[in-house]
Amino acid sequence: MDDNLKIYREAFIEAFELEESSNLEELKYQSIEEWDSIGHMSLMAELEAGFDITIKTEDLIQFESYKQGVEILSRYNITVTL
């Protein structure tokens, strides 16, 4: 697992208090109880800290799934290979 993927996975695991073995690739906004508006902000904070970036408001709003997040991070020159 590359470093960026590890940071990305850890952000989800920490923000939503998930198990390491969770199938993260299927996650979508509000698909689990923990991914509500407050959980979303926790996830954004984890990603910002992990990648040392500031996520723009429009990207924060568009970030609606695990897979879509990979695309959004590419806008910040961060490559996450699933």
PDB file of N, CA and C in Angstrom:
ATOM      1  N   MET A   1       0.851  -1.181   0.000  1.00  0.00           N
ATOM      2  CA  MET A   1       0.000   0.000   0.000  1.00  0.00           C
ATOM      3  C   MET A   1       0.896   1.243   0.000  1.00  0.00           C
ATOM      4  N   ASP A   2       0.642   2.158  -0.939  1.00  0.00           N
ATOM      5  CA  ASP A   2       1.475   3.351  -0.970  1.00  0.00           C
ATOM      6  C   ASP A   2       1.097   4.297   0.166  1.00  0.00           C
ATOM      7  N   ASP A   3       1.982   5.236   0.439  1.00  0.00           N
ATOM      8  CA  ASP A   3       1.798   6.140   1.584  1.00  0.00           C
ATOM      9  C   ASP A   3       0.523   6.969   1.475  1.00  0.00           C
ATOM     10  N   ASN A   4       0.238   7.495   0.278  1.00  0.00           N
ATOM     11  CA  ASN A   4      -0.966   8.322   0.130  1.00  0.00           C
ATOM     12  C   ASN A   4      -2.239   7.517   0.369  1.00  0.00           C
ATOM     13  N   LEU A   5      -2.264   6.286  -0.112  1.00  0.00           N
ATOM     14  CA  LEU A   5      -3.434   5.439   0.128  1.00  0.00           C
ATOM     15  C   LEU A   5      -3.576   5.149   1.620  1.00  0.00           C
ATOM     16  N   LYS A   6      -2.471   4.922   2.280  1.00  0.00           N
ATOM     17  CA  LYS A   6      -2.511   4.656   3.723  1.00  0.00           C
ATOM     18  C   LYS A   6      -3.060   5.870   4.482  1.00  0.00           C
ATOM     19  N   ILE A   7      -2.589   7.067   4.136  1.00  0.00           N
ATOM     20  CA  ILE A   7      -3.079   8.296   4.778  1.00  0.00           C
ATOM     21  C   ILE A   7      -4.570   8.469   4.503  1.00  0.00           C
ATOM     22  N   TYR A   8      -4.958   8.214   3.266  1.00  0.00           N
ATOM     23  CA  TYR A   8      -6.355   8.370   2.860  1.00  0.00           C
ATOM     24  C   TYR A   8      -7.259   7.411   3.636  1.00  0.00           C
ATOM     25  N   ARG A   9      -6.885   6.146   3.668  1.00  0.00           N
ATOM     26  CA  ARG A   9      -7.662   5.144   4.403  1.00  0.00           C
ATOM     27  C   ARG A   9      -7.752   5.500   5.888  1.00  0.00           C
ATOM     28  N   GLU A  10      -6.631   5.891   6.457  1.00  0.00           N
ATOM     29  CA  GLU A  10      -6.592   6.226   7.886  1.00  0.00           C
ATOM     30  C   GLU A  10      -7.511   7.400   8.213  1.00  0.00           C
ATOM     31  N   ALA A  11      -7.613   8.360   7.297  1.00  0.00           N
ATOM     32  CA  ALA A  11      -8.500   9.504   7.530  1.00  0.00           C
ATOM     33  C   ALA A  11      -9.942   9.035   7.688  1.00  0.00           C
ATOM     34  N   PHE A  12     -10.371   8.115   6.833  1.00  0.00           N
ATOM     35  CA  PHE A  12     -11.728   7.581   6.927  1.00  0.00           C
ATOM     36  C   PHE A  12     -11.907   6.753   8.201  1.00  0.00           C
ATOM     37  N   ILE A  13     -10.931   5.928   8.484  1.00  0.00           N
ATOM     38  CA  ILE A  13     -11.011   5.057   9.659  1.00  0.00           C
ATOM     39  C   ILE A  13     -11.084   5.890  10.934  1.00  0.00           C
ATOM     40  N   GLU A  14     -10.268   6.920  11.020  1.00  0.00           N
ATOM     41  CA  GLU A  14     -10.258   7.777  12.207  1.00  0.00           C
ATOM     42  C   GLU A  14     -11.532   8.625  12.303  1.00  0.00           C
ATOM     43  N   ALA A  15     -11.913   9.266  11.206  1.00  0.00           N
ATOM     44  CA  ALA A  15     -13.066  10.171  11.234  1.00  0.00           C
ATOM     45  C   ALA A  15     -14.358   9.434  11.565  1.00  0.00           C
ATOM     46  N   PHE A  16     -14.492   8.208  11.062  1.00  0.00           N
ATOM     47  CA  PHE A  16     -15.738   7.480  11.242  1.00  0.00           C
ATOM     48  C   PHE A  16     -15.625   6.321  12.222  1.00  0.00           C
ATOM     49  N   GLU A  17     -14.468   6.200  12.877  1.00  0.00           N
ATOM     50  CA  GLU A  17     -14.232   5.149  13.871  1.00  0.00           C
ATOM     51  C   GLU A  17     -14.575   3.770  13.309  1.00  0.00           C
ATOM     52  N   LEU A  18     -13.985   3.451  12.168  1.00  0.00           N
ATOM     53  CA  LEU A  18     -14.233   2.194  11.477  1.00  0.00           C
ATOM     54  C   LEU A  18     -13.136   1.181  11.771  1.00  0.00           C
ATOM     55  N   GLU A  19     -13.401  -0.057  11.439  1.00  0.00           N
ATOM     56  CA  GLU A  19     -12.409  -1.124  11.563  1.00  0.00           C
ATOM     57  C   GLU A  19     -11.455  -1.047  10.375  1.00  0.00           C
ATOM     58  N   GLU A  20     -10.215  -1.461  10.593  1.00  0.00           N
ATOM     59  CA  GLU A  20      -9.216  -1.503   9.520  1.00  0.00           C
ATOM     60  C   GLU A  20      -9.718  -2.287   8.319  1.00  0.00           C
ATOM     61  N   SER A  21     -10.470  -3.333   8.569  1.00  0.00           N
ATOM     62  CA  SER A  21     -10.908  -4.232   7.508  1.00  0.00           C
ATOM     63  C   SER A  21     -12.154  -3.748   6.758  1.00  0.00           C
ATOM     64  N   SER A  22     -12.652  -2.581   7.099  1.00  0.00           N
ATOM     65  CA  SER A  22     -13.875  -2.073   6.471  1.00  0.00           C
ATOM     66  C   SER A  22     -13.691  -1.897   4.968  1.00  0.00           C
ATOM     67  N   ASN A  23     -14.769  -2.131   4.225  1.00  0.00           N
ATOM     68  CA  ASN A  23     -14.761  -1.922   2.776  1.00  0.00           C
ATOM     69  C   ASN A  23     -15.015  -0.441   2.509  1.00  0.00           C
ATOM     70  N   LEU A  24     -13.966   0.333   2.538  1.00  0.00           N
ATOM     71  CA  LEU A  24     -14.082   1.778   2.431  1.00  0.00           C
ATOM     72  C   LEU A  24     -14.501   2.239   1.043  1.00  0.00           C
ATOM     73  N   GLU A  25     -14.130   1.511   0.023  1.00  0.00           N
ATOM     74  CA  GLU A  25     -14.397   1.938  -1.350  1.00  0.00           C
ATOM     75  C   GLU A  25     -15.882   2.086  -1.656  1.00  0.00           C
ATOM     76  N   GLU A  26     -16.735   1.487  -0.863  1.00  0.00           N
ATOM     77  CA  GLU A  26     -18.181   1.578  -1.085  1.00  0.00           C
ATOM     78  C   GLU A  26     -18.823   2.735  -0.311  1.00  0.00           C
ATOM     79  N   LEU A  27     -18.044   3.434   0.502  1.00  0.00           N
ATOM     80  CA  LEU A  27     -18.615   4.499   1.338  1.00  0.00           C
ATOM     81  C   LEU A  27     -19.059   5.700   0.518  1.00  0.00           C
ATOM     82  N   LYS A  28     -20.232   6.213   0.888  1.00  0.00           N
ATOM     83  CA  LYS A  28     -20.785   7.430   0.305  1.00  0.00           C
ATOM     84  C   LYS A  28     -21.352   8.267   1.438  1.00  0.00           C
ATOM     85  N   TYR A  29     -21.421   9.563   1.205  1.00  0.00           N
ATOM     86  CA  TYR A  29     -21.966  10.475   2.197  1.00  0.00           C
ATOM     87  C   TYR A  29     -23.337   9.979   2.662  1.00  0.00           C
ATOM     88  N   GLN A  30     -23.500   9.878   3.938  1.00  0.00           N
ATOM     89  CA  GLN A  30     -24.705   9.437   4.629  1.00  0.00           C
ATOM     90  C   GLN A  30     -25.057   7.962   4.386  1.00  0.00           C
ATOM     91  N   SER A  31     -24.111   7.187   3.852  1.00  0.00           N
ATOM     92  CA  SER A  31     -24.363   5.744   3.692  1.00  0.00           C
ATOM     93  C   SER A  31     -24.146   5.000   5.002  1.00  0.00           C
ATOM     94  N   ILE A  32     -23.458   5.640   5.927  1.00  0.00           N
ATOM     95  CA  ILE A  32     -23.301   5.119   7.281  1.00  0.00           C
ATOM     96  C   ILE A  32     -23.672   6.235   8.248  1.00  0.00           C
ATOM     97  N   GLU A  33     -24.093   5.853   9.417  1.00  0.00           N
ATOM     98  CA  GLU A  33     -24.541   6.837  10.416  1.00  0.00           C
ATOM     99  C   GLU A  33     -23.449   7.853  10.734  1.00  0.00           C
ATOM    100  N   GLU A  34     -22.207   7.404  10.766  1.00  0.00           N
ATOM    101  CA  GLU A  34     -21.096   8.277  11.154  1.00  0.00           C
ATOM    102  C   GLU A  34     -20.786   9.353  10.107  1.00  0.00           C
ATOM    103  N   TRP A  35     -21.162   9.115   8.840  1.00  0.00           N
ATOM    104  CA  TRP A  35     -20.859  10.094   7.802  1.00  0.00           C
ATOM    105  C   TRP A  35     -22.033  11.048   7.632  1.00  0.00           C
ATOM    106  N   ASP A  36     -22.236  11.844   8.666  1.00  0.00           N
ATOM    107  CA  ASP A  36     -23.219  12.921   8.621  1.00  0.00           C
ATOM    108  C   ASP A  36     -22.447  14.225   8.441  1.00  0.00           C
ATOM    109  N   SER A  37     -23.064  15.348   8.637  1.00  0.00           N
ATOM    110  CA  SER A  37     -22.374  16.621   8.414  1.00  0.00           C
ATOM    111  C   SER A  37     -21.191  16.811   9.369  1.00  0.00           C
ATOM    112  N   ILE A  38     -21.335  16.372  10.597  1.00  0.00           N
ATOM    113  CA  ILE A  38     -20.236  16.508  11.559  1.00  0.00           C
ATOM    114  C   ILE A  38     -19.110  15.527  11.211  1.00  0.00           C
ATOM    115  N   GLY A  39     -19.472  14.306  10.864  1.00  0.00           N
ATOM    116  CA  GLY A  39     -18.474  13.333  10.433  1.00  0.00           C
ATOM    117  C   GLY A  39     -17.748  13.800   9.185  1.00  0.00           C
ATOM    118  N   HIS A  40     -18.466  14.465   8.299  1.00  0.00           N
ATOM    119  CA  HIS A  40     -17.877  14.983   7.063  1.00  0.00           C
ATOM    120  C   HIS A  40     -16.786  15.998   7.396  1.00  0.00           C
ATOM    121  N   MET A  41     -17.070  16.881   8.330  1.00  0.00           N
ATOM    122  CA  MET A  41     -16.075  17.881   8.721  1.00  0.00           C
ATOM    123  C   MET A  41     -14.880  17.222   9.407  1.00  0.00           C
ATOM    124  N   SER A  42     -15.119  16.180  10.182  1.00  0.00           N
ATOM    125  CA  SER A  42     -14.017  15.437  10.804  1.00  0.00           C
ATOM    126  C   SER A  42     -13.141  14.795   9.737  1.00  0.00           C
ATOM    127  N   LEU A  43     -13.772  14.231   8.718  1.00  0.00           N
ATOM    128  CA  LEU A  43     -13.023  13.625   7.622  1.00  0.00           C
ATOM    129  C   LEU A  43     -12.186  14.675   6.907  1.00  0.00           C
ATOM    130  N   MET A  44     -12.762  15.820   6.621  1.00  0.00           N
ATOM    131  CA  MET A  44     -12.013  16.876   5.934  1.00  0.00           C
ATOM    132  C   MET A  44     -10.814  17.323   6.774  1.00  0.00           C
ATOM    133  N   ALA A  45     -11.011  17.432   8.077  1.00  0.00           N
ATOM    134  CA  ALA A  45      -9.912  17.816   8.968  1.00  0.00           C
ATOM    135  C   ALA A  45      -8.803  16.763   8.955  1.00  0.00           C
ATOM    136  N   GLU A  46      -9.189  15.487   8.966  1.00  0.00           N
ATOM    137  CA  GLU A  46      -8.205  14.402   8.915  1.00  0.00           C
ATOM    138  C   GLU A  46      -7.419  14.451   7.606  1.00  0.00           C
ATOM    139  N   LEU A  47      -8.116  14.672   6.505  1.00  0.00           N
ATOM    140  CA  LEU A  47      -7.448  14.737   5.206  1.00  0.00           C
ATOM    141  C   LEU A  47      -6.521  15.948   5.115  1.00  0.00           C
ATOM    142  N   GLU A  48      -6.986  17.079   5.595  1.00  0.00           N
ATOM    143  CA  GLU A  48      -6.145  18.281   5.574  1.00  0.00           C
ATOM    144  C   GLU A  48      -4.882  18.082   6.397  1.00  0.00           C
ATOM    145  N   ALA A  49      -5.022  17.491   7.562  1.00  0.00           N
ATOM    146  CA  ALA A  49      -3.852  17.255   8.420  1.00  0.00           C
ATOM    147  C   ALA A  49      -2.929  16.204   7.810  1.00  0.00           C
ATOM    148  N   GLY A  50      -3.513  15.133   7.299  1.00  0.00           N
ATOM    149  CA  GLY A  50      -2.709  14.048   6.753  1.00  0.00           C
ATOM    150  C   GLY A  50      -1.913  14.431   5.519  1.00  0.00           C
ATOM    151  N   PHE A  51      -2.506  15.275   4.676  1.00  0.00           N
ATOM    152  CA  PHE A  51      -1.849  15.663   3.426  1.00  0.00           C
ATOM    153  C   PHE A  51      -1.295  17.082   3.461  1.00  0.00           C
ATOM    154  N   ASP A  52      -1.454  17.782   4.583  1.00  0.00           N
ATOM    155  CA  ASP A  52      -0.967  19.149   4.747  1.00  0.00           C
ATOM    156  C   ASP A  52      -1.506  20.053   3.634  1.00  0.00           C
ATOM    157  N   ILE A  53      -2.823  20.056   3.494  1.00  0.00           N
ATOM    158  CA  ILE A  53      -3.498  20.881   2.493  1.00  0.00           C
ATOM    159  C   ILE A  53      -4.663  21.608   3.153  1.00  0.00           C
ATOM    160  N   THR A  54      -5.231  22.552   2.421  1.00  0.00           N
ATOM    161  CA  THR A  54      -6.472  23.195   2.816  1.00  0.00           C
ATOM    162  C   THR A  54      -7.472  22.913   1.709  1.00  0.00           C
ATOM    163  N   ILE A  55      -8.526  22.230   2.040  1.00  0.00           N
ATOM    164  CA  ILE A  55      -9.531  21.854   1.047  1.00  0.00           C
ATOM    165  C   ILE A  55     -10.481  23.020   0.831  1.00  0.00           C
ATOM    166  N   LYS A  56     -10.639  23.401  -0.431  1.00  0.00           N
ATOM    167  CA  LYS A  56     -11.515  24.520  -0.791  1.00  0.00           C
ATOM    168  C   LYS A  56     -12.977  24.144  -0.539  1.00  0.00           C
ATOM    169  N   THR A  57     -13.773  25.154  -0.274  1.00  0.00           N
ATOM    170  CA  THR A  57     -15.187  24.941   0.045  1.00  0.00           C
ATOM    171  C   THR A  57     -15.908  24.151  -1.036  1.00  0.00           C
ATOM    172  N   GLU A  58     -15.687  24.496  -2.310  1.00  0.00           N
ATOM    173  CA  GLU A  58     -16.392  23.785  -3.381  1.00  0.00           C
ATOM    174  C   GLU A  58     -15.999  22.306  -3.433  1.00  0.00           C
ATOM    175  N   ASP A  59     -14.744  21.994  -3.097  1.00  0.00           N
ATOM    176  CA  ASP A  59     -14.310  20.600  -3.058  1.00  0.00           C
ATOM    177  C   ASP A  59     -14.892  19.883  -1.843  1.00  0.00           C
ATOM    178  N   LEU A  60     -14.983  20.588  -0.746  1.00  0.00           N
ATOM    179  CA  LEU A  60     -15.583  20.022   0.461  1.00  0.00           C
ATOM    180  C   LEU A  60     -17.038  19.611   0.189  1.00  0.00           C
ATOM    181  N   ILE A  61     -17.753  20.444  -0.537  1.00  0.00           N
ATOM    182  CA  ILE A  61     -19.153  20.173  -0.853  1.00  0.00           C
ATOM    183  C   ILE A  61     -19.281  19.006  -1.832  1.00  0.00           C
ATOM    184  N   GLN A  62     -18.371  18.915  -2.797  1.00  0.00           N
ATOM    185  CA  GLN A  62     -18.436  17.869  -3.822  1.00  0.00           C
ATOM    186  C   GLN A  62     -17.947  16.512  -3.318  1.00  0.00           C
ATOM    187  N   PHE A  63     -17.288  16.476  -2.207  1.00  0.00           N
ATOM    188  CA  PHE A  63     -16.688  15.245  -1.668  1.00  0.00           C
ATOM    189  C   PHE A  63     -17.799  14.373  -1.091  1.00  0.00           C
ATOM    190  N   GLU A  64     -18.349  13.481  -1.921  1.00  0.00           N
ATOM    191  CA  GLU A  64     -19.509  12.703  -1.502  1.00  0.00           C
ATOM    192  C   GLU A  64     -19.278  11.202  -1.447  1.00  0.00           C
ATOM    193  N   SER A  65     -18.075  10.753  -1.752  1.00  0.00           N
ATOM    194  CA  SER A  65     -17.804   9.318  -1.671  1.00  0.00           C
ATOM    195  C   SER A  65     -16.304   9.083  -1.556  1.00  0.00           C
ATOM    196  N   TYR A  66     -15.967   7.882  -1.128  1.00  0.00           N
ATOM    197  CA  TYR A  66     -14.563   7.486  -1.007  1.00  0.00           C
ATOM    198  C   TYR A  66     -13.864   7.617  -2.356  1.00  0.00           C
ATOM    199  N   LYS A  67     -14.505   7.109  -3.397  1.00  0.00           N
ATOM    200  CA  LYS A  67     -13.903   7.144  -4.737  1.00  0.00           C
ATOM    201  C   LYS A  67     -13.816   8.569  -5.276  1.00  0.00           C
ATOM    202  N   GLN A  68     -14.828   9.368  -5.056  1.00  0.00           N
ATOM    203  CA  GLN A  68     -14.821  10.741  -5.542  1.00  0.00           C
ATOM    204  C   GLN A  68     -13.730  11.558  -4.841  1.00  0.00           C
ATOM    205  N   GLY A  69     -13.446  11.214  -3.603  1.00  0.00           N
ATOM    206  CA  GLY A  69     -12.399  11.912  -2.864  1.00  0.00           C
ATOM    207  C   GLY A  69     -11.039  11.777  -3.516  1.00  0.00           C
ATOM    208  N   VAL A  70     -10.787  10.635  -4.132  1.00  0.00           N
ATOM    209  CA  VAL A  70      -9.519  10.419  -4.829  1.00  0.00           C
ATOM    210  C   VAL A  70      -9.375  11.427  -5.964  1.00  0.00           C
ATOM    211  N   GLU A  71     -10.457  11.628  -6.701  1.00  0.00           N
ATOM    212  CA  GLU A  71     -10.449  12.604  -7.795  1.00  0.00           C
ATOM    213  C   GLU A  71     -10.231  14.016  -7.265  1.00  0.00           C
ATOM    214  N   ILE A  72     -10.906  14.342  -6.186  1.00  0.00           N
ATOM    215  CA  ILE A  72     -10.773  15.677  -5.602  1.00  0.00           C
ATOM    216  C   ILE A  72      -9.346  15.913  -5.122  1.00  0.00           C
ATOM    217  N   LEU A  73      -8.746  14.934  -4.484  1.00  0.00           N
ATOM    218  CA  LEU A  73      -7.372  15.104  -4.011  1.00  0.00           C
ATOM    219  C   LEU A  73      -6.394  15.298  -5.159  1.00  0.00           C
ATOM    220  N   SER A  74      -6.710  14.760  -6.325  1.00  0.00           N
ATOM    221  CA  SER A  74      -5.815  14.943  -7.477  1.00  0.00           C
ATOM    222  C   SER A  74      -5.717  16.420  -7.855  1.00  0.00           C
ATOM    223  N   ARG A  75      -6.720  17.205  -7.532  1.00  0.00           N
ATOM    224  CA  ARG A  75      -6.700  18.653  -7.782  1.00  0.00           C
ATOM    225  C   ARG A  75      -5.624  19.347  -6.931  1.00  0.00           C
ATOM    226  N   TYR A  76      -5.203  18.667  -5.873  1.00  0.00           N
ATOM    227  CA  TYR A  76      -4.187  19.194  -4.962  1.00  0.00           C
ATOM    228  C   TYR A  76      -2.836  18.499  -5.195  1.00  0.00           C
ATOM    229  N   ASN A  77      -2.710  17.874  -6.363  1.00  0.00           N
ATOM    230  CA  ASN A  77      -1.497  17.136  -6.744  1.00  0.00           C
ATOM    231  C   ASN A  77      -1.185  15.980  -5.796  1.00  0.00           C
ATOM    232  N   ILE A  78      -2.235  15.353  -5.303  1.00  0.00           N
ATOM    233  CA  ILE A  78      -2.090  14.178  -4.438  1.00  0.00           C
ATOM    234  C   ILE A  78      -2.668  12.986  -5.193  1.00  0.00           C
ATOM    235  N   THR A  79      -1.824  12.000  -5.428  1.00  0.00           N
ATOM    236  CA  THR A  79      -2.244  10.810  -6.150  1.00  0.00           C
ATOM    237  C   THR A  79      -2.505   9.686  -5.164  1.00  0.00           C
ATOM    238  N   VAL A  80      -3.730   9.192  -5.169  1.00  0.00           N
ATOM    239  CA  VAL A  80      -4.102   8.051  -4.345  1.00  0.00           C
ATOM    240  C   VAL A  80      -4.508   6.943  -5.319  1.00  0.00           C
ATOM    241  N   THR A  81      -3.783   5.847  -5.284  1.00  0.00           N
ATOM    242  CA  THR A  81      -4.068   4.722  -6.164  1.00  0.00           C
ATOM    243  C   THR A  81      -4.849   3.682  -5.394  1.00  0.00           C
ATOM    244  N   LEU A  82      -6.077   3.457  -5.827  1.00  0.00           N
ATOM    245  CA  LEU A  82      -6.938   2.483  -5.161  1.00  0.00           C
ATOM    246  C   LEU A  82      -6.623   1.085  -5.643  1.00  0.00           C
TER     247      LEU A  82
END
